[in-house]
C-alpha atoms as a PDB file:
ATOM      1  CA  MET A   1     -33.784 -15.008  53.578  1.00  0.00           C
ATOM      2  CA  ALA A   2     -35.137 -18.477  52.816  1.00  0.00           C
ATOM      3  CA  GLU A   3     -32.980 -21.589  53.005  1.00  0.00           C
ATOM      4  CA  LEU A   4     -33.330 -24.697  50.822  1.00  0.00           C
ATOM      5  CA  GLU A   5     -32.084 -28.110  51.911  1.00  0.00           C
ATOM      6  CA  ILE A   6     -32.157 -31.268  49.760  1.00  0.00           C
ATOM      7  CA  THR A   7     -31.424 -34.681  51.259  1.00  0.00           C
ATOM      8  CA  LYS A   8     -31.606 -38.105  49.595  1.00  0.00           C
ATOM      9  CA  ILE A   9     -33.745 -40.262  51.888  1.00  0.00           C
ATOM     10  CA  GLU A  10     -34.523 -43.404  49.899  1.00  0.00           C
ATOM     11  CA  ASP A  11     -33.134 -45.542  47.074  1.00  0.00           C
ATOM     12  CA  GLN A  12     -36.164 -47.366  45.702  1.00  0.00           C
ATOM     13  CA  LYS A  13     -34.067 -50.047  43.924  1.00  0.00           C
ATOM     14  CA  ASN A  14     -35.999 -49.456  40.690  1.00  0.00           C
ATOM     15  CA  GLY A  15     -33.752 -46.677  39.486  1.00  0.00           C
ATOM     16  CA  ARG A  16     -35.630 -44.017  41.434  1.00  0.00           C
ATOM     17  CA  PHE A  17     -34.556 -41.929  44.395  1.00  0.00           C
ATOM     18  CA  VAL A  18     -36.664 -40.022  46.895  1.00  0.00           C
ATOM     19  CA  PHE A  19     -35.313 -36.731  48.172  1.00  0.00           C
ATOM     20  CA  ASN A  20     -36.558 -34.650  51.056  1.00  0.00           C
ATOM     21  CA  VAL A  21     -36.902 -30.966  50.184  1.00  0.00           C
ATOM     22  CA  ARG A  22     -37.017 -28.568  53.134  1.00  0.00           C
ATOM     23  CA  VAL A  23     -37.567 -24.825  52.852  1.00  0.00           C
ATOM     24  CA  ASN A  24     -37.203 -22.514  55.832  1.00  0.00           C
ATOM     25  CA  ALA A  25     -38.577 -19.053  55.098  1.00  0.00           C
ATOM     26  CA  VAL A  26     -39.652 -15.993  57.041  1.00  0.00           C
ATOM     27  CA  GLU A  27     -43.311 -17.084  56.797  1.00  0.00           C
ATOM     28  CA  GLY A  28     -42.667 -20.634  57.988  1.00  0.00           C
ATOM     29  CA  ARG A  29     -41.327 -24.007  56.956  1.00  0.00           C
ATOM     30  CA  ILE A  30     -42.412 -26.610  54.421  1.00  0.00           C
ATOM     31  CA  GLU A  31     -41.014 -30.076  53.871  1.00  0.00           C
ATOM     32  CA  PHE A  32     -41.999 -32.641  51.242  1.00  0.00           C
ATOM     33  CA  PRO A  33     -40.636 -35.599  49.245  1.00  0.00           C
ATOM     34  CA  ILE A  34     -39.753 -35.495  45.556  1.00  0.00           C
ATOM     35  CA  ALA A  35     -39.096 -38.745  43.639  1.00  0.00           C
ATOM     36  CA  ILE A  36     -36.891 -38.720  40.549  1.00  0.00           C
ATOM     37  CA  GLN A  37     -35.323 -41.198  38.157  1.00  0.00           C
ATOM     38  CA  ASP A  38     -31.620 -41.786  38.901  1.00  0.00           C
ATOM     39  CA  LEU A  39     -29.664 -39.760  36.346  1.00  0.00           C
ATOM     40  CA  GLY A  40     -26.272 -41.254  37.158  1.00  0.00           C
ATOM     41  CA  SER A  41     -24.611 -38.478  39.142  1.00  0.00           C
ATOM     42  CA  SER A  42     -25.327 -36.525  42.295  1.00  0.00           C
ATOM     43  CA  ALA A  43     -25.174 -33.217  40.432  1.00  0.00           C
ATOM     44  CA  LEU A  44     -27.706 -34.312  37.797  1.00  0.00           C
ATOM     45  CA  ASP A  45     -29.959 -35.840  40.446  1.00  0.00           C
ATOM     46  CA  GLU A  46     -29.927 -32.605  42.466  1.00  0.00           C
ATOM     47  CA  THR A  47     -30.684 -30.589  39.321  1.00  0.00           C
ATOM     48  CA  ALA A  48     -33.674 -32.854  38.596  1.00  0.00           C
ATOM     49  CA  VAL A  49     -34.909 -32.403  42.169  1.00  0.00           C
ATOM     50  CA  LEU A  50     -34.583 -28.619  41.848  1.00  0.00           C
ATOM     51  CA  TRP A  51     -36.530 -28.588  38.563  1.00  0.00           C
ATOM     52  CA  SER A  52     -39.232 -30.810  40.067  1.00  0.00           C
ATOM     53  CA  THR A  53     -39.408 -28.578  43.138  1.00  0.00           C
ATOM     54  CA  LEU A  54     -39.688 -25.482  40.955  1.00  0.00           C
ATOM     55  CA  GLY A  55     -42.537 -27.075  38.994  1.00  0.00           C
ATOM     56  CA  PHE A  56     -44.274 -27.967  42.250  1.00  0.00           C
ATOM     57  CA  ALA A  57     -43.827 -24.423  43.558  1.00  0.00           C
ATOM     58  CA  GLU A  58     -45.223 -22.918  40.337  1.00  0.00           C
ATOM     59  CA  GLU A  59     -48.287 -25.193  40.478  1.00  0.00           C
ATOM     60  CA  LEU A  60     -48.798 -24.349  44.143  1.00  0.00           C
ATOM     61  CA  ALA A  61     -48.521 -20.610  43.440  1.00  0.00           C
ATOM     62  CA  ALA A  62     -51.070 -20.891  40.606  1.00  0.00           C
ATOM     63  CA  LEU A  63     -53.503 -22.786  42.835  1.00  0.00           C
ATOM     64  CA  ILE A  64     -53.136 -20.210  45.593  1.00  0.00           C
ATOM     65  CA  ARG A  65     -53.761 -17.354  43.140  1.00  0.00           C
ATOM     66  CA  VAL A  66     -56.939 -19.063  41.914  1.00  0.00           C
ATOM     67  CA  ARG A  67     -58.096 -19.689  45.473  1.00  0.00           C
ATOM     68  CA  LEU A  68     -57.386 -16.099  46.484  1.00  0.00           C
ATOM     69  CA  GLY A  69     -59.213 -14.821  43.427  1.00  0.00           C
ATOM     70  CA  VAL A  70     -62.264 -16.879  44.266  1.00  0.00           C
ATOM     71  CA  GLU A  71     -62.175 -15.900  47.920  1.00  0.00           C
ATOM     72  CA  LEU A  72     -61.581 -12.212  47.229  1.00  0.00           C
ATOM     73  CA  ARG A  73     -64.686 -12.111  45.040  1.00  0.00           C
ATOM     74  CA  ASN A  74     -66.638 -13.437  48.023  1.00  0.00           C
ATOM     75  CA  PRO A  75     -67.717 -10.566  50.357  1.00  0.00           C
ATOM     76  CA  GLU A  76     -67.704 -12.903  53.378  1.00  0.00           C
ATOM     77  CA  ALA A  77     -64.049 -13.757  52.722  1.00  0.00           C
ATOM     78  CA  LEU A  78     -63.190 -10.059  52.577  1.00  0.00           C
ATOM     79  CA  ARG A  79     -64.749  -9.523  56.000  1.00  0.00           C
ATOM     80  CA  LYS A  80     -62.632 -12.355  57.436  1.00  0.00           C
ATOM     81  CA  ILE A  81     -59.425 -10.849  56.012  1.00  0.00           C
ATOM     82  CA  ALA A  82     -60.112  -7.336  57.355  1.00  0.00           C
END
């Protein structure tokens, strides 16, 4: 089962925070920063990070689906997969 870890790594002094998002999954690990506006509490900040991460993940999934669709229509790509 995948694990999600969120750590605040930077206070940008302009009302924004940068969080490190780390996901450990069966297929591997990914780590990236997410910047948010300070919402005044740790719970609200974490919720904003989670929503931003979800949006990022949805965009990434859509891009991968498009890329796979393009590559799967290419006979050369099919030979590489097989």
